[in-house]
Amino acid sequence: MLPVKSNLLPTVARFFDDDWNPLIDWSNRNSSINSTTVPAVNMKETANEFIVEMAVPGMKKEDFKIELNNGLLSIFSEIKQDDETDNDNNYYRREFSYQSFKRTFNLNDQLVDDTQIQATYQNGILQLNLPKREEAKEKPPRNIEIS
């Protein structure tokens, strides 16, 4: 029996990315310069804010640069490490390590108050708190009287 190719999964994935995610435009390319894994991102929504969590264990808060430019939120990291054992200036062993990544998100300026964005780094998780604009916050239900 020949395997059957199905294009349904990518179509469904694009549908959810494009139509069900009002906060971030996921069509941006997120990249890692040296083809390593780009950190995974979780997103959640509360009544007052959106929360973005990025898994980046083993780093320090100084390793990150977060920039907001015209509704484009970018998270950068670049780490260079030189581990060496030197024997009379001749290398006995030297290993270079270089890590970098960039994640970029288009924020919906109708939903997010970009003047109040905050970031924290704790236990390997970089967390960004994106407060909602007042007009985007969920309103409690109210009764409307009939006249």
C-alpha atoms as a PDB file:
ATOM      1  CA  MET A   1       0.000   0.000   0.000  1.00  0.00           C
ATOM      2  CA  LEU A   2       1.376   3.411  -0.937  1.00  0.00           C
ATOM      3  CA  PRO A   3       1.482   6.123   1.725  1.00  0.00           C
ATOM      4  CA  VAL A   4      -1.132   8.803   1.310  1.00  0.00           C
ATOM      5  CA  LYS A   5       0.022  12.397   1.493  1.00  0.00           C
ATOM      6  CA  SER A   6      -2.275  14.791   3.283  1.00  0.00           C
ATOM      7  CA  ASN A   7      -1.991  18.543   3.205  1.00  0.00           C
ATOM      8  CA  LEU A   8      -4.752  18.988   5.773  1.00  0.00           C
ATOM      9  CA  LEU A   9      -2.474  19.403   8.799  1.00  0.00           C
ATOM     10  CA  PRO A  10      -0.486  22.403   7.488  1.00  0.00           C
ATOM     11  CA  THR A  11      -3.742  24.014   6.322  1.00  0.00           C
ATOM     12  CA  VAL A  12      -5.341  23.555   9.729  1.00  0.00           C
ATOM     13  CA  ALA A  13      -2.196  24.860  11.462  1.00  0.00           C
ATOM     14  CA  ARG A  14      -2.176  27.983   9.248  1.00  0.00           C
ATOM     15  CA  PHE A  15      -5.885  28.471   9.942  1.00  0.00           C
ATOM     16  CA  PHE A  16      -5.303  28.536  13.689  1.00  0.00           C
ATOM     17  CA  ASP A  17      -2.222  30.739  13.431  1.00  0.00           C
ATOM     18  CA  ASP A  18      -3.874  33.293  11.181  1.00  0.00           C
ATOM     19  CA  ASP A  19      -7.465  33.334  12.371  1.00  0.00           C
ATOM     20  CA  TRP A  20      -7.449  32.347  16.011  1.00  0.00           C
ATOM     21  CA  ASN A  21      -4.572  34.350  17.382  1.00  0.00           C
ATOM     22  CA  PRO A  22      -5.457  38.048  17.722  1.00  0.00           C
ATOM     23  CA  LEU A  23      -2.384  38.970  19.783  1.00  0.00           C
ATOM     24  CA  ILE A  24       0.576  37.951  17.672  1.00  0.00           C
ATOM     25  CA  ASP A  25       1.170  37.543  13.963  1.00  0.00           C
ATOM     26  CA  TRP A  26       3.087  34.244  13.817  1.00  0.00           C
ATOM     27  CA  SER A  27       4.016  34.638  10.149  1.00  0.00           C
ATOM     28  CA  ASN A  28       7.302  36.369  11.084  1.00  0.00           C
ATOM     29  CA  ARG A  29      10.430  34.320  10.688  1.00  0.00           C
ATOM     30  CA  ASN A  30      12.040  33.547  14.007  1.00  0.00           C
ATOM     31  CA  SER A  31      15.616  32.505  13.695  1.00  0.00           C
ATOM     32  CA  SER A  32      18.682  31.039  15.243  1.00  0.00           C
ATOM     33  CA  ILE A  33      21.918  31.994  13.526  1.00  0.00           C
ATOM     34  CA  ASN A  34      23.682  28.670  14.020  1.00  0.00           C
ATOM     35  CA  SER A  35      20.711  26.375  13.327  1.00  0.00           C
ATOM     36  CA  THR A  36      20.157  25.523  16.977  1.00  0.00           C
ATOM     37  CA  THR A  37      16.724  25.246  18.453  1.00  0.00           C
ATOM     38  CA  VAL A  38      14.820  28.490  18.858  1.00  0.00           C
ATOM     39  CA  PRO A  39      13.360  28.681  22.389  1.00  0.00           C
ATOM     40  CA  ALA A  40       9.792  27.484  22.764  1.00  0.00           C
ATOM     41  CA  VAL A  41       7.098  30.020  23.625  1.00  0.00           C
ATOM     42  CA  ASN A  42       3.903  29.612  25.632  1.00  0.00           C
ATOM     43  CA  MET A  43       1.188  32.273  25.590  1.00  0.00           C
ATOM     44  CA  LYS A  44      -1.803  32.748  27.816  1.00  0.00           C
ATOM     45  CA  GLU A  45      -4.466  35.349  28.332  1.00  0.00           C
ATOM     46  CA  THR A  46      -5.963  36.617  31.570  1.00  0.00           C
ATOM     47  CA  ALA A  47      -8.663  39.225  32.071  1.00  0.00           C
ATOM     48  CA  ASN A  48      -6.064  42.014  32.259  1.00  0.00           C
ATOM     49  CA  GLU A  49      -3.052  40.889  30.241  1.00  0.00           C
ATOM     50  CA  PHE A  50      -1.373  38.508  27.849  1.00  0.00           C
ATOM     51  CA  ILE A  51       1.574  36.515  29.206  1.00  0.00           C
ATOM     52  CA  VAL A  52       4.381  35.248  26.993  1.00  0.00           C
ATOM     53  CA  GLU A  53       6.749  32.642  28.499  1.00  0.00           C
ATOM     54  CA  MET A  54       9.962  31.604  26.760  1.00  0.00           C
ATOM     55  CA  ALA A  55      11.968  28.559  27.892  1.00  0.00           C
ATOM     56  CA  VAL A  56      15.643  29.644  28.022  1.00  0.00           C
ATOM     57  CA  PRO A  57      17.367  27.717  30.826  1.00  0.00           C
ATOM     58  CA  GLY A  58      20.971  28.352  31.817  1.00  0.00           C
ATOM     59  CA  MET A  59      20.984  32.001  30.847  1.00  0.00           C
ATOM     60  CA  LYS A  60      21.138  35.255  32.795  1.00  0.00           C
ATOM     61  CA  LYS A  61      18.873  38.240  32.395  1.00  0.00           C
ATOM     62  CA  GLU A  62      21.866  40.182  31.028  1.00  0.00           C
ATOM     63  CA  ASP A  63      21.961  37.745  28.088  1.00  0.00           C
ATOM     64  CA  PHE A  64      18.710  39.144  26.637  1.00  0.00           C
ATOM     65  CA  LYS A  65      17.800  42.238  24.715  1.00  0.00           C
ATOM     66  CA  ILE A  66      14.101  43.011  24.306  1.00  0.00           C
ATOM     67  CA  GLU A  67      13.070  45.730  21.906  1.00  0.00           C
ATOM     68  CA  LEU A  68       9.740  47.203  20.837  1.00  0.00           C
ATOM     69  CA  ASN A  69       9.742  49.109  17.565  1.00  0.00           C
ATOM     70  CA  ASN A  70       6.520  50.161  15.813  1.00  0.00           C
ATOM     71  CA  GLY A  71       4.498  47.256  17.200  1.00  0.00           C
ATOM     72  CA  LEU A  72       7.246  44.714  16.515  1.00  0.00           C
ATOM     73  CA  LEU A  73       8.430  42.990  19.714  1.00  0.00           C
ATOM     74  CA  SER A  74      11.868  41.377  19.314  1.00  0.00           C
ATOM     75  CA  ILE A  75      13.715  39.198  21.809  1.00  0.00           C
ATOM     76  CA  PHE A  76      17.428  38.692  21.106  1.00  0.00           C
ATOM     77  CA  SER A  77      20.137  36.691  22.812  1.00  0.00           C
ATOM     78  CA  GLU A  78      23.770  36.180  21.963  1.00  0.00           C
ATOM     79  CA  ILE A  79      26.253  34.255  24.102  1.00  0.00           C
ATOM     80  CA  LYS A  80      29.884  33.576  23.325  1.00  0.00           C
ATOM     81  CA  GLN A  81      31.900  31.221  25.542  1.00  0.00           C
ATOM     82  CA  ASP A  82      35.558  30.335  25.374  1.00  0.00           C
ATOM     83  CA  ASP A  83      36.637  27.341  27.471  1.00  0.00           C
ATOM     84  CA  GLU A  84      40.339  26.875  27.254  1.00  0.00           C
ATOM     85  CA  THR A  85      43.273  25.101  28.793  1.00  0.00           C
ATOM     86  CA  ASP A  86      46.455  26.824  27.686  1.00  0.00           C
ATOM     87  CA  ASN A  87      49.867  25.120  27.727  1.00  0.00           C
ATOM     88  CA  ASP A  88      52.674  27.624  26.952  1.00  0.00           C
ATOM     89  CA  ASN A  89      50.413  29.493  24.505  1.00  0.00           C
ATOM     90  CA  ASN A  90      49.962  26.329  22.478  1.00  0.00           C
ATOM     91  CA  TYR A  91      46.424  25.059  22.595  1.00  0.00           C
ATOM     92  CA  TYR A  92      46.061  21.810  24.437  1.00  0.00           C
ATOM     93  CA  ARG A  93      42.307  22.085  24.156  1.00  0.00           C
ATOM     94  CA  ARG A  94      40.056  24.947  23.259  1.00  0.00           C
ATOM     95  CA  GLU A  95      36.336  24.787  22.577  1.00  0.00           C
ATOM     96  CA  PHE A  96      34.290  27.633  21.256  1.00  0.00           C
ATOM     97  CA  SER A  97      30.585  27.943  21.897  1.00  0.00           C
ATOM     98  CA  TYR A  98      28.304  30.471  20.291  1.00  0.00           C
ATOM     99  CA  GLN A  99      24.563  30.698  20.793  1.00  0.00           C
ATOM    100  CA  SER A 100      22.149  33.243  19.456  1.00  0.00           C
ATOM    101  CA  PHE A 101      18.496  33.531  18.617  1.00  0.00           C
ATOM    102  CA  LYS A 102      15.916  36.116  17.731  1.00  0.00           C
ATOM    103  CA  ARG A 103      12.162  35.792  18.218  1.00  0.00           C
ATOM    104  CA  THR A 104       9.982  38.492  16.728  1.00  0.00           C
ATOM    105  CA  PHE A 105       6.261  39.079  17.201  1.00  0.00           C
ATOM    106  CA  ASN A 106       3.864  41.616  15.703  1.00  0.00           C
ATOM    107  CA  LEU A 107       1.756  42.955  18.541  1.00  0.00           C
ATOM    108  CA  ASN A 108      -1.824  43.976  17.982  1.00  0.00           C
ATOM    109  CA  ASP A 109      -1.798  47.606  19.128  1.00  0.00           C
ATOM    110  CA  GLN A 110      -5.585  47.507  19.488  1.00  0.00           C
ATOM    111  CA  LEU A 111      -5.222  44.966  22.314  1.00  0.00           C
ATOM    112  CA  VAL A 112      -1.858  45.621  24.006  1.00  0.00           C
ATOM    113  CA  ASP A 113      -0.821  48.702  25.982  1.00  0.00           C
ATOM    114  CA  ASP A 114       2.784  48.687  24.790  1.00  0.00           C
ATOM    115  CA  THR A 115       3.842  51.417  27.240  1.00  0.00           C
ATOM    116  CA  GLN A 116       3.368  49.038  30.194  1.00  0.00           C
ATOM    117  CA  ILE A 117       5.144  45.856  28.996  1.00  0.00           C
ATOM    118  CA  GLN A 118       7.287  44.210  31.686  1.00  0.00           C
ATOM    119  CA  ALA A 119       9.786  41.343  31.541  1.00  0.00           C
ATOM    120  CA  THR A 120      11.197  39.047  34.218  1.00  0.00           C
ATOM    121  CA  TYR A 121      13.593  36.100  34.130  1.00  0.00           C
ATOM    122  CA  GLN A 122      13.377  33.387  36.776  1.00  0.00           C
ATOM    123  CA  ASN A 123      14.167  29.655  36.872  1.00  0.00           C
ATOM    124  CA  GLY A 124      14.956  29.464  33.149  1.00  0.00           C
ATOM    125  CA  ILE A 125      11.758  31.191  32.025  1.00  0.00           C
ATOM    126  CA  LEU A 126      11.720  34.632  30.426  1.00  0.00           C
ATOM    127  CA  GLN A 127       8.258  36.059  31.032  1.00  0.00           C
ATOM    128  CA  LEU A 128       6.756  39.097  29.341  1.00  0.00           C
ATOM    129  CA  ASN A 129       3.595  40.641  30.706  1.00  0.00           C
ATOM    130  CA  LEU A 130       1.658  42.521  28.027  1.00  0.00           C
ATOM    131  CA  PRO A 131      -1.165  44.498  29.671  1.00  0.00           C
ATOM    132  CA  LYS A 132      -4.394  44.887  27.756  1.00  0.00           C
ATOM    133  CA  ARG A 133      -5.729  48.297  26.796  1.00  0.00           C
ATOM    134  CA  GLU A 134      -8.783  49.278  28.826  1.00  0.00           C
ATOM    135  CA  GLU A 135     -11.048  48.977  25.779  1.00  0.00           C
ATOM    136  CA  ALA A 136      -9.751  45.430  25.128  1.00  0.00           C
ATOM    137  CA  LYS A 137     -10.413  44.144  28.643  1.00  0.00           C
ATOM    138  CA  GLU A 138     -13.342  41.857  29.164  1.00  0.00           C
ATOM    139  CA  LYS A 139     -16.338  43.701  30.561  1.00  0.00           C
ATOM    140  CA  PRO A 140     -18.572  42.092  33.175  1.00  0.00           C
ATOM    141  CA  PRO A 141     -22.053  41.155  31.975  1.00  0.00           C
ATOM    142  CA  ARG A 142     -24.768  43.720  32.603  1.00  0.00           C
ATOM    143  CA  ASN A 143     -28.511  43.623  32.361  1.00  0.00           C
ATOM    144  CA  ILE A 144     -30.260  45.854  29.879  1.00  0.00           C
ATOM    145  CA  GLU A 145     -33.731  46.926  30.842  1.00  0.00           C
ATOM    146  CA  ILE A 146     -36.506  46.916  28.323  1.00  0.00           C
ATOM    147  CA  SER A 147     -38.463  50.145  28.120  1.00  0.00           C
END
